[in-house]
Amino acid sequence: MISTITATQVYRAISPVVRKNITDLCIFRLRNQSDLDAVIEETSAIFDKATLLKFYKAATVEPYSFLYVKLTAKTPDDMFCESFSKPINVTDASSLCVSK
């Protein structure tokens, strides 16, 4: 098995073939709305874009924190975390704090 880690500042600069085979994403605070839109759009198969945006905003409030997305998770509840360690409970998505 071959594992590859790819880091980019422009999400869509990665080949579509590579993006379709991604298993995990670490999404830090983005500086460009079009990059955020691209990531949200390509991960919106399970949740709507507004909910994913809430997850992103809640996970990136703290400096150096990020949204971790495990695309191979068996259930949606195991899919999203803040910085690997703090699971985002998707059943309580409406109550997420998006500002500090």
N, C-alpha and C. Protein backbone atom coordinates (compact mmCIF):
# COMPACT_ATOMS: atom_id res chain seq x y z
N MET A 1 0.84 -1.17 0.00
CA MET A 1 0.00 0.00 0.00
C MET A 1 0.89 1.24 0.00
N ILE A 2 0.49 2.22 -0.76
CA ILE A 2 1.21 3.49 -0.84
C ILE A 2 0.34 4.57 -0.22
N SER A 3 0.90 5.34 0.70
CA SER A 3 0.20 6.46 1.30
C SER A 3 0.88 7.74 0.85
N THR A 4 0.08 8.74 0.56
CA THR A 4 0.60 10.02 0.11
C THR A 4 -0.07 11.14 0.88
N ILE A 5 0.71 12.09 1.31
CA ILE A 5 0.17 13.29 1.93
C ILE A 5 0.40 14.44 0.95
N THR A 6 -0.66 15.17 0.69
CA THR A 6 -0.58 16.30 -0.23
C THR A 6 -1.00 17.56 0.51
N ALA A 7 -0.20 18.59 0.43
CA ALA A 7 -0.53 19.88 1.02
C ALA A 7 -0.68 20.89 -0.11
N THR A 8 -1.70 21.70 -0.02
CA THR A 8 -1.92 22.69 -1.06
C THR A 8 -2.57 23.94 -0.48
N GLN A 9 -2.36 25.05 -1.11
CA GLN A 9 -3.05 26.27 -0.74
C GLN A 9 -4.23 26.52 -1.68
N VAL A 10 -4.29 25.81 -2.78
CA VAL A 10 -5.38 25.94 -3.74
C VAL A 10 -5.96 24.55 -3.96
N TYR A 11 -7.12 24.28 -3.37
CA TYR A 11 -7.71 22.95 -3.38
C TYR A 11 -7.93 22.42 -4.79
N ARG A 12 -8.45 23.25 -5.66
CA ARG A 12 -8.75 22.79 -7.03
C ARG A 12 -7.51 22.66 -7.90
N ALA A 13 -6.34 23.02 -7.37
CA ALA A 13 -5.10 22.80 -8.11
C ALA A 13 -4.72 21.33 -8.09
N ILE A 14 -5.29 20.58 -7.15
CA ILE A 14 -5.07 19.14 -7.08
C ILE A 14 -5.92 18.48 -8.16
N SER A 15 -5.36 17.52 -8.83
CA SER A 15 -6.06 16.81 -9.90
C SER A 15 -7.39 16.23 -9.40
N PRO A 16 -8.45 16.27 -10.22
CA PRO A 16 -9.73 15.67 -9.82
C PRO A 16 -9.60 14.18 -9.48
N VAL A 17 -8.71 13.47 -10.14
CA VAL A 17 -8.51 12.05 -9.84
C VAL A 17 -7.99 11.90 -8.41
N VAL A 18 -7.09 12.74 -8.02
CA VAL A 18 -6.55 12.70 -6.66
C VAL A 18 -7.63 13.10 -5.66
N ARG A 19 -8.36 14.17 -5.95
CA ARG A 19 -9.40 14.65 -5.03
C ARG A 19 -10.47 13.59 -4.80
N LYS A 20 -10.81 12.81 -5.80
CA LYS A 20 -11.84 11.77 -5.66
C LYS A 20 -11.35 10.60 -4.82
N ASN A 21 -10.06 10.48 -4.62
CA ASN A 21 -9.50 9.37 -3.85
C ASN A 21 -9.00 9.78 -2.47
N ILE A 22 -9.28 10.99 -2.07
CA ILE A 22 -8.86 11.48 -0.75
C ILE A 22 -9.62 10.72 0.33
N THR A 23 -8.91 10.33 1.39
CA THR A 23 -9.56 9.64 2.50
C THR A 23 -9.72 10.53 3.72
N ASP A 24 -8.86 11.52 3.87
CA ASP A 24 -8.92 12.42 5.02
C ASP A 24 -8.57 13.84 4.57
N LEU A 25 -9.22 14.81 5.20
CA LEU A 25 -8.93 16.22 4.92
C LEU A 25 -8.65 16.94 6.23
N CYS A 26 -7.66 17.81 6.21
CA CYS A 26 -7.41 18.74 7.32
C CYS A 26 -7.57 20.13 6.71
N ILE A 27 -8.62 20.82 7.12
CA ILE A 27 -8.95 22.11 6.51
C ILE A 27 -8.70 23.20 7.55
N PHE A 28 -7.62 23.93 7.36
CA PHE A 28 -7.30 25.04 8.23
C PHE A 28 -8.08 26.27 7.80
N ARG A 29 -7.98 27.35 8.53
CA ARG A 29 -8.68 28.57 8.19
C ARG A 29 -8.21 29.03 6.81
N LEU A 30 -9.15 29.13 5.89
CA LEU A 30 -8.83 29.50 4.51
C LEU A 30 -8.93 31.00 4.33
N ARG A 31 -8.14 31.52 3.45
CA ARG A 31 -8.12 32.97 3.18
C ARG A 31 -8.91 33.33 1.93
N ASN A 32 -9.42 32.33 1.25
CA ASN A 32 -10.04 32.57 -0.04
C ASN A 32 -11.41 31.89 -0.06
N GLN A 33 -12.45 32.65 -0.33
CA GLN A 33 -13.81 32.12 -0.34
C GLN A 33 -14.01 31.06 -1.41
N SER A 34 -13.35 31.20 -2.55
CA SER A 34 -13.53 30.21 -3.61
C SER A 34 -12.94 28.86 -3.22
N ASP A 35 -11.83 28.85 -2.45
CA ASP A 35 -11.29 27.58 -1.97
C ASP A 35 -12.22 26.94 -0.95
N LEU A 36 -12.78 27.75 -0.07
CA LEU A 36 -13.75 27.23 0.90
C LEU A 36 -14.97 26.66 0.18
N ASP A 37 -15.47 27.38 -0.80
CA ASP A 37 -16.61 26.90 -1.58
C ASP A 37 -16.30 25.57 -2.27
N ALA A 38 -15.10 25.43 -2.79
CA ALA A 38 -14.70 24.19 -3.48
C ALA A 38 -14.68 23.01 -2.51
N VAL A 39 -14.10 23.21 -1.34
CA VAL A 39 -14.03 22.13 -0.35
C VAL A 39 -15.43 21.76 0.13
N ILE A 40 -16.24 22.76 0.43
CA ILE A 40 -17.61 22.52 0.90
C ILE A 40 -18.41 21.78 -0.18
N GLU A 41 -18.29 22.24 -1.41
CA GLU A 41 -19.02 21.61 -2.52
C GLU A 41 -18.64 20.14 -2.69
N GLU A 42 -17.36 19.83 -2.60
CA GLU A 42 -16.91 18.47 -2.85
C GLU A 42 -17.09 17.53 -1.67
N THR A 43 -17.48 18.06 -0.52
CA THR A 43 -17.74 17.20 0.65
C THR A 43 -19.21 17.24 1.07
N SER A 44 -20.06 17.73 0.20
CA SER A 44 -21.46 17.94 0.56
C SER A 44 -22.39 16.78 0.21
N ALA A 45 -21.87 15.59 0.06
CA ALA A 45 -22.72 14.44 -0.27
C ALA A 45 -23.53 13.98 0.94
N ILE A 46 -23.03 14.18 2.14
CA ILE A 46 -23.71 13.69 3.36
C ILE A 46 -24.54 14.78 4.02
N PHE A 47 -23.99 16.00 4.06
CA PHE A 47 -24.67 17.12 4.70
C PHE A 47 -24.80 18.27 3.71
N ASP A 48 -25.76 19.13 3.94
CA ASP A 48 -25.93 20.29 3.07
C ASP A 48 -24.78 21.28 3.31
N LYS A 49 -24.60 22.18 2.39
CA LYS A 49 -23.49 23.13 2.43
C LYS A 49 -23.54 24.03 3.65
N ALA A 50 -24.72 24.44 4.08
CA ALA A 50 -24.84 25.31 5.26
C ALA A 50 -24.35 24.60 6.52
N THR A 51 -24.67 23.33 6.66
CA THR A 51 -24.22 22.56 7.82
C THR A 51 -22.71 22.38 7.79
N LEU A 52 -22.16 22.08 6.63
CA LEU A 52 -20.71 21.93 6.51
C LEU A 52 -19.99 23.24 6.83
N LEU A 53 -20.57 24.35 6.42
CA LEU A 53 -19.98 25.65 6.73
C LEU A 53 -19.98 25.88 8.23
N LYS A 54 -21.03 25.47 8.93
CA LYS A 54 -21.07 25.56 10.39
C LYS A 54 -19.96 24.72 11.02
N PHE A 55 -19.77 23.51 10.52
CA PHE A 55 -18.70 22.65 11.03
C PHE A 55 -17.35 23.35 10.87
N TYR A 56 -17.11 23.87 9.67
CA TYR A 56 -15.84 24.55 9.37
C TYR A 56 -15.62 25.74 10.30
N LYS A 57 -16.62 26.58 10.44
CA LYS A 57 -16.48 27.77 11.28
C LYS A 57 -16.27 27.41 12.75
N ALA A 58 -16.99 26.41 13.23
CA ALA A 58 -16.83 25.99 14.62
C ALA A 58 -15.44 25.41 14.86
N ALA A 59 -14.92 24.68 13.90
CA ALA A 59 -13.62 24.01 14.06
C ALA A 59 -12.43 24.94 13.90
N THR A 60 -12.61 26.08 13.25
CA THR A 60 -11.48 26.97 12.98
C THR A 60 -11.52 28.26 13.78
N VAL A 61 -12.29 28.28 14.85
CA VAL A 61 -12.38 29.48 15.69
C VAL A 61 -11.04 29.77 16.38
N GLU A 62 -10.46 28.74 16.96
CA GLU A 62 -9.20 28.90 17.68
C GLU A 62 -8.02 29.01 16.71
N PRO A 63 -6.98 29.77 17.09
CA PRO A 63 -5.78 29.83 16.23
C PRO A 63 -5.18 28.43 16.04
N TYR A 64 -4.78 28.12 14.84
CA TYR A 64 -4.13 26.86 14.46
C TYR A 64 -5.05 25.63 14.54
N SER A 65 -6.31 25.83 14.81
CA SER A 65 -7.22 24.69 14.81
C SER A 65 -7.71 24.45 13.38
N PHE A 66 -8.27 23.28 13.14
CA PHE A 66 -8.69 22.93 11.79
C PHE A 66 -9.84 21.93 11.85
N LEU A 67 -10.52 21.81 10.75
CA LEU A 67 -11.59 20.83 10.60
C LEU A 67 -10.97 19.57 10.00
N TYR A 68 -11.12 18.47 10.71
CA TYR A 68 -10.65 17.18 10.22
C TYR A 68 -11.86 16.42 9.70
N VAL A 69 -11.78 15.96 8.46
CA VAL A 69 -12.87 15.21 7.84
C VAL A 69 -12.34 13.83 7.45
N LYS A 70 -12.91 12.80 8.05
CA LYS A 70 -12.54 11.42 7.73
C LYS A 70 -13.58 10.90 6.73
N LEU A 71 -13.24 10.94 5.46
CA LEU A 71 -14.17 10.62 4.39
C LEU A 71 -14.51 9.13 4.32
N THR A 72 -13.74 8.30 5.02
CA THR A 72 -14.01 6.86 5.04
C THR A 72 -14.74 6.42 6.29
N ALA A 73 -15.22 7.35 7.08
CA ALA A 73 -15.94 7.01 8.32
C ALA A 73 -17.19 6.19 8.00
N LYS A 74 -17.51 5.28 8.90
CA LYS A 74 -18.68 4.41 8.71
C LYS A 74 -19.99 5.14 8.95
N THR A 75 -19.97 6.13 9.86
CA THR A 75 -21.19 6.89 10.16
C THR A 75 -20.87 8.39 10.10
N PRO A 76 -21.87 9.22 9.83
CA PRO A 76 -21.64 10.67 9.81
C PRO A 76 -21.15 11.21 11.15
N ASP A 77 -21.53 10.56 12.25
CA ASP A 77 -21.09 11.03 13.56
C ASP A 77 -19.59 10.85 13.78
N ASP A 78 -18.95 10.00 13.01
CA ASP A 78 -17.51 9.76 13.14
C ASP A 78 -16.70 10.51 12.09
N MET A 79 -17.35 11.35 11.33
CA MET A 79 -16.71 11.95 10.17
C MET A 79 -15.98 13.27 10.43
N PHE A 80 -16.45 14.07 11.39
CA PHE A 80 -15.93 15.42 11.58
C PHE A 80 -15.35 15.61 12.97
N CYS A 81 -14.19 16.24 13.03
CA CYS A 81 -13.54 16.56 14.30
C CYS A 81 -12.90 17.94 14.21
N GLU A 82 -12.76 18.55 15.37
CA GLU A 82 -11.96 19.75 15.47
C GLU A 82 -10.56 19.32 15.87
N SER A 83 -9.60 19.52 15.01
CA SER A 83 -8.19 19.23 15.28
C SER A 83 -7.94 17.80 15.76
N PHE A 84 -8.47 16.83 15.13
CA PHE A 84 -8.32 15.39 15.41
C PHE A 84 -8.99 14.93 16.70
N SER A 85 -9.02 15.76 17.72
CA SER A 85 -9.36 15.26 19.05
C SER A 85 -10.77 15.57 19.55
N LYS A 86 -11.42 16.56 19.00
CA LYS A 86 -12.72 16.97 19.52
C LYS A 86 -13.79 16.66 18.46
N PRO A 87 -14.50 15.54 18.61
CA PRO A 87 -15.53 15.20 17.62
C PRO A 87 -16.62 16.28 17.54
N ILE A 88 -17.08 16.52 16.35
CA ILE A 88 -18.21 17.43 16.16
C ILE A 88 -19.44 16.56 16.06
N ASN A 89 -20.32 16.70 17.02
CA ASN A 89 -21.54 15.90 17.08
C ASN A 89 -22.51 16.42 16.04
N VAL A 90 -22.68 15.69 14.97
CA VAL A 90 -23.50 16.16 13.86
C VAL A 90 -24.98 16.18 14.21
N THR A 91 -25.40 15.45 15.22
CA THR A 91 -26.82 15.47 15.59
C THR A 91 -27.19 16.78 16.27
N ASP A 92 -26.19 17.49 16.78
CA ASP A 92 -26.42 18.78 17.41
C ASP A 92 -25.90 19.93 16.57
N ALA A 93 -25.89 19.77 15.27
CA ALA A 93 -25.31 20.76 14.36
C ALA A 93 -25.95 22.13 14.49
N SER A 94 -27.21 22.18 14.79
CA SER A 94 -27.90 23.46 14.89
C SER A 94 -27.41 24.29 16.08
N SER A 95 -26.81 23.64 17.08
CA SER A 95 -26.37 24.36 18.27
C SER A 95 -24.88 24.69 18.25
N LEU A 96 -24.19 24.44 17.13
CA LEU A 96 -22.77 24.73 17.07
C LEU A 96 -22.51 26.23 17.23
N CYS A 97 -21.51 26.53 17.99
CA CYS A 97 -21.08 27.92 18.15
C CYS A 97 -20.15 28.26 17.01
N VAL A 98 -20.46 29.29 16.25
CA VAL A 98 -19.61 29.63 15.12
C VAL A 98 -18.83 30.92 15.35
N SER A 99 -18.94 31.51 16.51
CA SER A 99 -18.12 32.68 16.81
C SER A 99 -17.74 32.63 18.28
N LYS A 100 -16.68 33.30 18.61
CA LYS A 100 -16.21 33.25 19.99
C LYS A 100 -16.27 34.60 20.61
